[in-house]
């Protein structure tokens, strides 16, 4: 399943979050995600302290486990999403 994760860093935690994320290696990032979450893409608005990631996981619990790592610094929203192919297939079936 694809999941969109959007976040906003708490204003008083912005520099802490920047320091933590900015010093991560690719290996740290993989460990942070865990074995059951694959990062598809991630985009940051550093000025606003917000961002969005698309991850893939068979388990929403694994996604929540990853986001829990950042809970002291961010407010987040986790939303299941579809890619174009899947969305079109659903719509074609329903509209037939």
PDB file of N, CA and C in Angstrom:
ATOM      1  N   UNK A   1       0.848  -1.167   0.000  1.00  0.00           N
ATOM      2  CA  UNK A   1       0.000   0.000   0.000  1.00  0.00           C
ATOM      3  C   UNK A   1       0.897   1.235   0.000  1.00  0.00           C
ATOM      4  N   UNK A   2       0.436   2.266  -0.719  1.00  0.00           N
ATOM      5  CA  UNK A   2       1.128   3.558  -0.703  1.00  0.00           C
ATOM      6  C   UNK A   2       0.502   4.450   0.356  1.00  0.00           C
ATOM      7  N   UNK A   3       1.358   5.165   1.066  1.00  0.00           N
ATOM      8  CA  UNK A   3       0.892   6.035   2.137  1.00  0.00           C
ATOM      9  C   UNK A   3       1.582   7.388   1.992  1.00  0.00           C
ATOM     10  N   UNK A   4       0.787   8.462   2.074  1.00  0.00           N
ATOM     11  CA  UNK A   4       1.334   9.813   2.075  1.00  0.00           C
ATOM     12  C   UNK A   4       1.444  10.269   3.523  1.00  0.00           C
ATOM     13  N   UNK A   5       2.626  10.713   3.877  1.00  0.00           N
ATOM     14  CA  UNK A   5       2.868  11.246   5.212  1.00  0.00           C
ATOM     15  C   UNK A   5       3.212  12.725   5.059  1.00  0.00           C
ATOM     16  N   UNK A   6       2.408  13.570   5.671  1.00  0.00           N
ATOM     17  CA  UNK A   6       2.672  15.012   5.667  1.00  0.00           C
ATOM     18  C   UNK A   6       2.994  15.421   7.092  1.00  0.00           C
ATOM     19  N   UNK A   7       3.933  16.351   7.231  1.00  0.00           N
ATOM     20  CA  UNK A   7       4.316  16.767   8.581  1.00  0.00           C
ATOM     21  C   UNK A   7       4.571  18.255   8.655  1.00  0.00           C
ATOM     22  N   UNK A   8       4.482  18.728   9.889  1.00  0.00           N
ATOM     23  CA  UNK A   8       4.849  20.101  10.216  1.00  0.00           C
ATOM     24  C   UNK A   8       5.657  20.036  11.507  1.00  0.00           C
ATOM     25  N   UNK A   9       6.844  20.621  11.481  1.00  0.00           N
ATOM     26  CA  UNK A   9       7.705  20.613  12.658  1.00  0.00           C
ATOM     27  C   UNK A   9       7.163  21.627  13.670  1.00  0.00           C
ATOM     28  N   UNK A  10       7.107  21.217  14.931  1.00  0.00           N
ATOM     29  CA  UNK A  10       6.732  22.161  15.976  1.00  0.00           C
ATOM     30  C   UNK A  10       7.726  23.324  15.949  1.00  0.00           C
ATOM     31  N   UNK A  11       7.237  24.566  15.994  1.00  0.00           N
ATOM     32  CA  UNK A  11       8.144  25.722  15.883  1.00  0.00           C
ATOM     33  C   UNK A  11       9.319  25.698  16.858  1.00  0.00           C
ATOM     34  N   UNK A  12       9.070  25.270  18.090  1.00  0.00           N
ATOM     35  CA  UNK A  12      10.155  25.262  19.079  1.00  0.00           C
ATOM     36  C   UNK A  12      11.101  24.070  18.915  1.00  0.00           C
ATOM     37  N   UNK A  13      10.803  23.169  17.984  1.00  0.00           N
ATOM     38  CA  UNK A  13      11.637  21.988  17.739  1.00  0.00           C
ATOM     39  C   UNK A  13      12.304  22.018  16.363  1.00  0.00           C
ATOM     40  N   UNK A  14      12.112  23.123  15.627  1.00  0.00           N
ATOM     41  CA  UNK A  14      12.593  23.195  14.245  1.00  0.00           C
ATOM     42  C   UNK A  14      14.098  22.922  14.136  1.00  0.00           C
ATOM     43  N   UNK A  15      14.901  23.590  14.926  1.00  0.00           N
ATOM     44  CA  UNK A  15      16.345  23.420  14.824  1.00  0.00           C
ATOM     45  C   UNK A  15      16.777  22.026  15.286  1.00  0.00           C
ATOM     46  N   UNK A  16      16.086  21.466  16.273  1.00  0.00           N
ATOM     47  CA  UNK A  16      16.378  20.094  16.708  1.00  0.00           C
ATOM     48  C   UNK A  16      16.094  19.108  15.576  1.00  0.00           C
ATOM     49  N   UNK A  17      14.950  19.283  14.898  1.00  0.00           N
ATOM     50  CA  UNK A  17      14.592  18.403  13.787  1.00  0.00           C
ATOM     51  C   UNK A  17      15.578  18.551  12.638  1.00  0.00           C
ATOM     52  N   UNK A  18      15.958  19.786  12.322  1.00  0.00           N
ATOM     53  CA  UNK A  18      16.945  20.019  11.257  1.00  0.00           C
ATOM     54  C   UNK A  18      18.266  19.333  11.596  1.00  0.00           C
ATOM     55  N   UNK A  19      18.704  19.460  12.829  1.00  0.00           N
ATOM     56  CA  UNK A  19      19.970  18.843  13.240  1.00  0.00           C
ATOM     57  C   UNK A  19      19.886  17.324  13.149  1.00  0.00           C
ATOM     58  N   UNK A  20      18.797  16.751  13.638  1.00  0.00           N
ATOM     59  CA  UNK A  20      18.642  15.295  13.624  1.00  0.00           C
ATOM     60  C   UNK A  20      18.594  14.762  12.195  1.00  0.00           C
ATOM     61  N   UNK A  21      17.761  15.367  11.358  1.00  0.00           N
ATOM     62  CA  UNK A  21      17.619  14.872   9.989  1.00  0.00           C
ATOM     63  C   UNK A  21      18.862  15.174   9.156  1.00  0.00           C
ATOM     64  N   UNK A  22      19.417  16.367   9.315  1.00  0.00           N
ATOM     65  CA  UNK A  22      20.557  16.789   8.509  1.00  0.00           C
ATOM     66  C   UNK A  22      21.804  15.953   8.722  1.00  0.00           C
ATOM     67  N   UNK A  23      21.932  15.337   9.877  1.00  0.00           N
ATOM     68  CA  UNK A  23      23.112  14.534  10.187  1.00  0.00           C
ATOM     69  C   UNK A  23      22.935  13.057   9.871  1.00  0.00           C
ATOM     70  N   UNK A  24      21.742  12.679   9.387  1.00  0.00           N
ATOM     71  CA  UNK A  24      21.493  11.271   9.108  1.00  0.00           C
ATOM     72  C   UNK A  24      22.237  10.823   7.849  1.00  0.00           C
ATOM     73  N   UNK A  25      22.782   9.622   7.916  1.00  0.00           N
ATOM     74  CA  UNK A  25      23.369   8.969   6.747  1.00  0.00           C
ATOM     75  C   UNK A  25      22.265   8.164   6.051  1.00  0.00           C
ATOM     76  N   UNK A  26      22.502   7.703   4.832  1.00  0.00           N
ATOM     77  CA  UNK A  26      21.509   6.815   4.206  1.00  0.00           C
ATOM     78  C   UNK A  26      21.217   5.579   5.060  1.00  0.00           C
ATOM     79  N   UNK A  27      22.218   5.082   5.753  1.00  0.00           N
ATOM     80  CA  UNK A  27      22.018   3.921   6.620  1.00  0.00           C
ATOM     81  C   UNK A  27      21.144   4.277   7.826  1.00  0.00           C
ATOM     82  N   UNK A  28      21.366   5.467   8.389  1.00  0.00           N
ATOM     83  CA  UNK A  28      20.516   5.935   9.492  1.00  0.00           C
ATOM     84  C   UNK A  28      19.076   6.069   9.032  1.00  0.00           C
ATOM     85  N   UNK A  29      18.901   6.617   7.832  1.00  0.00           N
ATOM     86  CA  UNK A  29      17.567   6.817   7.279  1.00  0.00           C
ATOM     87  C   UNK A  29      16.857   5.478   7.105  1.00  0.00           C
ATOM     88  N   UNK A  30      17.559   4.481   6.564  1.00  0.00           N
ATOM     89  CA  UNK A  30      16.973   3.154   6.375  1.00  0.00           C
ATOM     90  C   UNK A  30      16.596   2.531   7.718  1.00  0.00           C
ATOM     91  N   UNK A  31      17.455   2.684   8.711  1.00  0.00           N
ATOM     92  CA  UNK A  31      17.156   2.145  10.038  1.00  0.00           C
ATOM     93  C   UNK A  31      15.955   2.856  10.657  1.00  0.00           C
ATOM     94  N   UNK A  32      15.854   4.164  10.435  1.00  0.00           N
ATOM     95  CA  UNK A  32      14.733   4.947  10.953  1.00  0.00           C
ATOM     96  C   UNK A  32      13.415   4.475  10.341  1.00  0.00           C
ATOM     97  N   UNK A  33      13.418   4.219   9.039  1.00  0.00           N
ATOM     98  CA  UNK A  33      12.211   3.735   8.357  1.00  0.00           C
ATOM     99  C   UNK A  33      11.796   2.360   8.854  1.00  0.00           C
ATOM    100  N   UNK A  34      12.752   1.522   9.151  1.00  0.00           N
ATOM    101  CA  UNK A  34      12.462   0.151   9.553  1.00  0.00           C
ATOM    102  C   UNK A  34      12.420  -0.767   8.347  1.00  0.00           C
ATOM    103  N   UNK A  35      12.354  -2.049   8.608  1.00  0.00           N
ATOM    104  CA  UNK A  35      12.408  -3.048   7.537  1.00  0.00           C
ATOM    105  C   UNK A  35      11.154  -3.078   6.676  1.00  0.00           C
ATOM    106  N   UNK A  36      10.031  -2.643   7.215  1.00  0.00           N
ATOM    107  CA  UNK A  36       8.752  -2.800   6.520  1.00  0.00           C
ATOM    108  C   UNK A  36       8.245  -1.537   5.846  1.00  0.00           C
ATOM    109  N   UNK A  37       9.058  -0.490   5.776  1.00  0.00           N
ATOM    110  CA  UNK A  37       8.653   0.761   5.127  1.00  0.00           C
ATOM    111  C   UNK A  37       9.697   1.118   4.077  1.00  0.00           C
ATOM    112  N   UNK A  38       9.237   1.314   2.839  1.00  0.00           N
ATOM    113  CA  UNK A  38      10.125   1.706   1.744  1.00  0.00           C
ATOM    114  C   UNK A  38       9.800   3.137   1.341  1.00  0.00           C
ATOM    115  N   UNK A  39      10.801   3.994   1.330  1.00  0.00           N
ATOM    116  CA  UNK A  39      10.619   5.385   0.922  1.00  0.00           C
ATOM    117  C   UNK A  39      10.532   5.461  -0.596  1.00  0.00           C
ATOM    118  N   UNK A  40       9.435   6.022  -1.110  1.00  0.00           N
ATOM    119  CA  UNK A  40       9.270   6.242  -2.540  1.00  0.00           C
ATOM    120  C   UNK A  40       9.828   7.613  -2.913  1.00  0.00           C
ATOM    121  N   UNK A  41       9.514   8.619  -2.100  1.00  0.00           N
ATOM    122  CA  UNK A  41      10.016   9.973  -2.321  1.00  0.00           C
ATOM    123  C   UNK A  41       9.663  10.853  -1.148  1.00  0.00           C
ATOM    124  N   UNK A  42      10.463  11.916  -0.978  1.00  0.00           N
ATOM    125  CA  UNK A  42      10.236  12.819   0.156  1.00  0.00           C
ATOM    126  C   UNK A  42      10.602  14.226  -0.300  1.00  0.00           C
ATOM    127  N   UNK A  43       9.764  15.197   0.083  1.00  0.00           N
ATOM    128  CA  UNK A  43       9.957  16.590  -0.311  1.00  0.00           C
ATOM    129  C   UNK A  43       9.826  17.472   0.918  1.00  0.00           C
ATOM    130  N   UNK A  44      10.700  18.478   0.990  1.00  0.00           N
ATOM    131  CA  UNK A  44      10.792  19.339   2.164  1.00  0.00           C
ATOM    132  C   UNK A  44      10.561  20.800   1.790  1.00  0.00           C
ATOM    133  N   UNK A  45       9.862  21.523   2.647  1.00  0.00           N
ATOM    134  CA  UNK A  45       9.805  22.985   2.602  1.00  0.00           C
ATOM    135  C   UNK A  45      10.503  23.436   3.882  1.00  0.00           C
ATOM    136  N   UNK A  46      11.813  23.639   3.772  1.00  0.00           N
ATOM    137  CA  UNK A  46      12.599  23.958   4.968  1.00  0.00           C
ATOM    138  C   UNK A  46      12.173  25.268   5.607  1.00  0.00           C
ATOM    139  N   UNK A  47      11.799  26.248   4.785  1.00  0.00           N
ATOM    140  CA  UNK A  47      11.396  27.546   5.342  1.00  0.00           C
ATOM    141  C   UNK A  47      10.162  27.413   6.231  1.00  0.00           C
ATOM    142  N   UNK A  48       9.208  26.617   5.786  1.00  0.00           N
ATOM    143  CA  UNK A  48       7.976  26.436   6.556  1.00  0.00           C
ATOM    144  C   UNK A  48       8.096  25.349   7.620  1.00  0.00           C
ATOM    145  N   UNK A  49       9.102  24.482   7.490  1.00  0.00           N
ATOM    146  CA  UNK A  49       9.234  23.371   8.422  1.00  0.00           C
ATOM    147  C   UNK A  49       8.197  22.293   8.174  1.00  0.00           C
ATOM    148  N   UNK A  50       7.831  22.128   6.893  1.00  0.00           N
ATOM    149  CA  UNK A  50       6.829  21.128   6.524  1.00  0.00           C
ATOM    150  C   UNK A  50       7.401  20.203   5.456  1.00  0.00           C
ATOM    151  N   UNK A  51       6.687  19.131   5.207  1.00  0.00           N
ATOM    152  CA  UNK A  51       7.116  18.221   4.158  1.00  0.00           C
ATOM    153  C   UNK A  51       6.105  17.130   3.917  1.00  0.00           C
ATOM    154  N   UNK A  52       6.385  16.357   2.868  1.00  0.00           N
ATOM    155  CA  UNK A  52       5.531  15.242   2.481  1.00  0.00           C
ATOM    156  C   UNK A  52       6.412  14.104   1.997  1.00  0.00           C
ATOM    157  N   UNK A  53       6.042  12.907   2.361  1.00  0.00           N
ATOM    158  CA  UNK A  53       6.726  11.711   1.874  1.00  0.00           C
ATOM    159  C   UNK A  53       5.681  10.732   1.367  1.00  0.00           C
ATOM    160  N   UNK A  54       6.069   9.961   0.369  1.00  0.00           N
ATOM    161  CA  UNK A  54       5.278   8.812  -0.058  1.00  0.00           C
ATOM    162  C   UNK A  54       6.103   7.588   0.306  1.00  0.00           C
ATOM    163  N   UNK A  55       5.484   6.685   1.039  1.00  0.00           N
ATOM    164  CA  UNK A  55       6.145   5.449   1.420  1.00  0.00           C
ATOM    165  C   UNK A  55       5.276   4.274   0.989  1.00  0.00           C
ATOM    166  N   UNK A  56       5.918   3.128   0.892  1.00  0.00           N
ATOM    167  CA  UNK A  56       5.200   1.900   0.563  1.00  0.00           C
ATOM    168  C   UNK A  56       5.390   0.922   1.705  1.00  0.00           C
ATOM    169  N   UNK A  57       4.285   0.299   2.110  1.00  0.00           N
ATOM    170  CA  UNK A  57       4.341  -0.671   3.193  1.00  0.00           C
ATOM    171  C   UNK A  57       3.110  -1.560   3.141  1.00  0.00           C
ATOM    172  N   UNK A  58       3.277  -2.786   3.524  1.00  0.00           N
ATOM    173  CA  UNK A  58       2.130  -3.692   3.638  1.00  0.00           C
ATOM    174  C   UNK A  58       1.392  -3.463   4.953  1.00  0.00           C
ATOM    175  N   UNK A  59       1.996  -2.660   5.823  1.00  0.00           N
ATOM    176  CA  UNK A  59       1.456  -2.495   7.175  1.00  0.00           C
ATOM    177  C   UNK A  59       1.394  -1.024   7.557  1.00  0.00           C
ATOM    178  N   UNK A  60       0.200  -0.524   7.818  1.00  0.00           N
ATOM    179  CA  UNK A  60       0.079   0.851   8.300  1.00  0.00           C
ATOM    180  C   UNK A  60       0.701   0.971   9.690  1.00  0.00           C
ATOM    181  N   UNK A  61       0.714  -0.130  10.432  1.00  0.00           N
ATOM    182  CA  UNK A  61       1.358  -0.114  11.741  1.00  0.00           C
ATOM    183  C   UNK A  61       2.852   0.202  11.619  1.00  0.00           C
ATOM    184  N   UNK A  62       3.495  -0.321  10.579  1.00  0.00           N
ATOM    185  CA  UNK A  62       4.922  -0.039  10.362  1.00  0.00           C
ATOM    186  C   UNK A  62       5.145   1.436  10.053  1.00  0.00           C
ATOM    187  N   UNK A  63       4.213   2.034   9.307  1.00  0.00           N
ATOM    188  CA  UNK A  63       4.316   3.462   8.996  1.00  0.00           C
ATOM    189  C   UNK A  63       4.168   4.273  10.284  1.00  0.00           C
ATOM    190  N   UNK A  64       3.193   3.936  11.100  1.00  0.00           N
ATOM    191  CA  UNK A  64       3.025   4.633  12.377  1.00  0.00           C
ATOM    192  C   UNK A  64       4.251   4.453  13.276  1.00  0.00           C
ATOM    193  N   UNK A  65       4.852   3.277  13.244  1.00  0.00           N
ATOM    194  CA  UNK A  65       6.052   3.028  14.038  1.00  0.00           C
ATOM    195  C   UNK A  65       7.185   3.947  13.595  1.00  0.00           C
ATOM    196  N   UNK A  66       7.342   4.146  12.289  1.00  0.00           N
ATOM    197  CA  UNK A  66       8.365   5.058  11.770  1.00  0.00           C
ATOM    198  C   UNK A  66       8.091   6.492  12.219  1.00  0.00           C
ATOM    199  N   UNK A  67       6.853   6.939  12.050  1.00  0.00           N
ATOM    200  CA  UNK A  67       6.511   8.321  12.398  1.00  0.00           C
ATOM    201  C   UNK A  67       6.643   8.565  13.901  1.00  0.00           C
ATOM    202  N   UNK A  68       6.420   7.537  14.692  1.00  0.00           N
ATOM    203  CA  UNK A  68       6.582   7.679  16.139  1.00  0.00           C
ATOM    204  C   UNK A  68       7.991   8.156  16.494  1.00  0.00           C
ATOM    205  N   UNK A  69       8.986   7.759  15.700  1.00  0.00           N
ATOM    206  CA  UNK A  69      10.362   8.188  15.958  1.00  0.00           C
ATOM    207  C   UNK A  69      10.498   9.707  15.970  1.00  0.00           C
ATOM    208  N   UNK A  70       9.630  10.391  15.217  1.00  0.00           N
ATOM    209  CA  UNK A  70       9.696  11.845  15.076  1.00  0.00           C
ATOM    210  C   UNK A  70       8.615  12.567  15.869  1.00  0.00           C
ATOM    211  N   UNK A  71       7.793  11.835  16.588  1.00  0.00           N
ATOM    212  CA  UNK A  71       6.656  12.417  17.302  1.00  0.00           C
ATOM    213  C   UNK A  71       7.011  13.562  18.243  1.00  0.00           C
ATOM    214  N   UNK A  72       8.160  13.553  18.912  1.00  0.00           N
ATOM    215  CA  UNK A  72       8.474  14.692  19.783  1.00  0.00           C
ATOM    216  C   UNK A  72       8.707  16.004  19.032  1.00  0.00           C
ATOM    217  N   UNK A  73       8.929  15.910  17.709  1.00  0.00           N
ATOM    218  CA  UNK A  73       9.288  17.104  16.947  1.00  0.00           C
ATOM    219  C   UNK A  73       8.276  17.523  15.887  1.00  0.00           C
ATOM    220  N   UNK A  74       7.342  16.628  15.528  1.00  0.00           N
ATOM    221  CA  UNK A  74       6.437  16.934  14.419  1.00  0.00           C
ATOM    222  C   UNK A  74       4.997  16.578  14.735  1.00  0.00           C
ATOM    223  N   UNK A  75       4.110  17.257  14.030  1.00  0.00           N
ATOM    224  CA  UNK A  75       2.708  16.844  13.932  1.00  0.00           C
ATOM    225  C   UNK A  75       2.571  16.249  12.542  1.00  0.00           C
ATOM    226  N   UNK A  76       1.909  15.108  12.427  1.00  0.00           N
ATOM    227  CA  UNK A  76       1.856  14.429  11.132  1.00  0.00           C
ATOM    228  C   UNK A  76       0.457  13.942  10.790  1.00  0.00           C
ATOM    229  N   UNK A  77       0.276  13.718   9.496  1.00  0.00           N
ATOM    230  CA  UNK A  77      -0.950  13.134   8.963  1.00  0.00           C
ATOM    231  C   UNK A  77      -0.549  11.969   8.074  1.00  0.00           C
ATOM    232  N   UNK A  78      -1.204  10.838   8.247  1.00  0.00           N
ATOM    233  CA  UNK A  78      -0.908   9.640   7.476  1.00  0.00           C
ATOM    234  C   UNK A  78      -2.155   9.283   6.672  1.00  0.00           C
ATOM    235  N   UNK A  79      -2.002   9.233   5.335  1.00  0.00           N
ATOM    236  CA  UNK A  79      -3.142   9.044   4.448  1.00  0.00           C
ATOM    237  C   UNK A  79      -2.837   7.985   3.391  1.00  0.00           C
ATOM    238  N   UNK A  80      -3.626   6.900   3.310  1.00  0.00           N
ATOM    239  CA  UNK A  80      -3.438   5.955   2.208  1.00  0.00           C
ATOM    240  C   UNK A  80      -3.745   6.653   0.878  1.00  0.00           C
ATOM    241  N   UNK A  81      -2.933   6.377  -0.138  1.00  0.00           N
ATOM    242  CA  UNK A  81      -3.116   6.990  -1.449  1.00  0.00           C
ATOM    243  C   UNK A  81      -2.961   5.931  -2.537  1.00  0.00           C
ATOM    244  N   UNK A  82      -3.356   6.299  -3.761  1.00  0.00           N
ATOM    245  CA  UNK A  82      -3.275   5.407  -4.913  1.00  0.00           C
ATOM    246  C   UNK A  82      -2.393   6.020  -5.990  1.00  0.00           C
ATOM    247  N   UNK A  83      -1.712   5.163  -6.756  1.00  0.00           N
ATOM    248  CA  UNK A  83      -1.021   5.664  -7.934  1.00  0.00           C
ATOM    249  C   UNK A  83      -2.037   5.785  -9.074  1.00  0.00           C
ATOM    250  N   UNK A  84      -1.617   6.383 -10.192  1.00  0.00           N
ATOM    251  CA  UNK A  84      -2.530   6.620 -11.314  1.00  0.00           C
ATOM    252  C   UNK A  84      -3.164   5.333 -11.829  1.00  0.00           C
ATOM    253  N   UNK A  85      -2.355   4.307 -12.005  1.00  0.00           N
ATOM    254  CA  UNK A  85      -2.853   3.049 -12.571  1.00  0.00           C
ATOM    255  C   UNK A  85      -3.956   2.449 -11.708  1.00  0.00           C
ATOM    256  N   UNK A  86      -3.747   2.413 -10.419  1.00  0.00           N
ATOM    257  CA  UNK A  86      -4.736   1.847  -9.502  1.00  0.00           C
ATOM    258  C   UNK A  86      -5.993   2.708  -9.442  1.00  0.00           C
ATOM    259  N   UNK A  87      -5.822   4.016  -9.396  1.00  0.00           N
ATOM    260  CA  UNK A  87      -6.981   4.919  -9.368  1.00  0.00           C
ATOM    261  C   UNK A  87      -7.818   4.761 -10.635  1.00  0.00           C
ATOM    262  N   UNK A  88      -7.156   4.703 -11.790  1.00  0.00           N
ATOM    263  CA  UNK A  88      -7.897   4.540 -13.049  1.00  0.00           C
ATOM    264  C   UNK A  88      -8.637   3.209 -13.103  1.00  0.00           C
ATOM    265  N   UNK A  89      -8.006   2.143 -12.621  1.00  0.00           N
ATOM    266  CA  UNK A  89      -8.655   0.830 -12.628  1.00  0.00           C
ATOM    267  C   UNK A  89      -9.918   0.847 -11.770  1.00  0.00           C
ATOM    268  N   UNK A  90      -9.849   1.458 -10.608  1.00  0.00           N
ATOM    269  CA  UNK A  90     -11.019   1.567  -9.731  1.00  0.00           C
ATOM    270  C   UNK A  90     -12.114   2.370 -10.414  1.00  0.00           C
ATOM    271  N   UNK A  91     -11.744   3.516 -10.963  1.00  0.00           N
ATOM    272  CA  UNK A  91     -12.735   4.373 -11.617  1.00  0.00           C
ATOM    273  C   UNK A  91     -13.372   3.704 -12.827  1.00  0.00           C
ATOM    274  N   UNK A  92     -12.579   3.031 -13.638  1.00  0.00           N
ATOM    275  CA  UNK A  92     -13.134   2.330 -14.807  1.00  0.00           C
ATOM    276  C   UNK A  92     -14.118   1.265 -14.376  1.00  0.00           C
ATOM    277  N   UNK A  93     -13.785   0.508 -13.332  1.00  0.00           N
ATOM    278  CA  UNK A  93     -14.687  -0.528 -12.843  1.00  0.00           C
ATOM    279  C   UNK A  93     -15.971   0.071 -12.311  1.00  0.00           C
ATOM    280  N   UNK A  94     -15.883   1.133 -11.557  1.00  0.00           N
ATOM    281  CA  UNK A  94     -17.072   1.734 -10.939  1.00  0.00           C
ATOM    282  C   UNK A  94     -17.948   2.471 -11.948  1.00  0.00           C
ATOM    283  N   UNK A  95     -17.329   2.992 -12.991  1.00  0.00           N
ATOM    284  CA  UNK A  95     -18.076   3.776 -13.958  1.00  0.00           C
ATOM    285  C   UNK A  95     -18.583   2.951 -15.138  1.00  0.00           C
ATOM    286  N   UNK A  96     -18.261   1.655 -15.148  1.00  0.00           N
ATOM    287  CA  UNK A  96     -18.677   0.792 -16.259  1.00  0.00           C
ATOM    288  C   UNK A  96     -20.158   0.479 -16.181  1.00  0.00           C
TER     289      UNK A  96
END
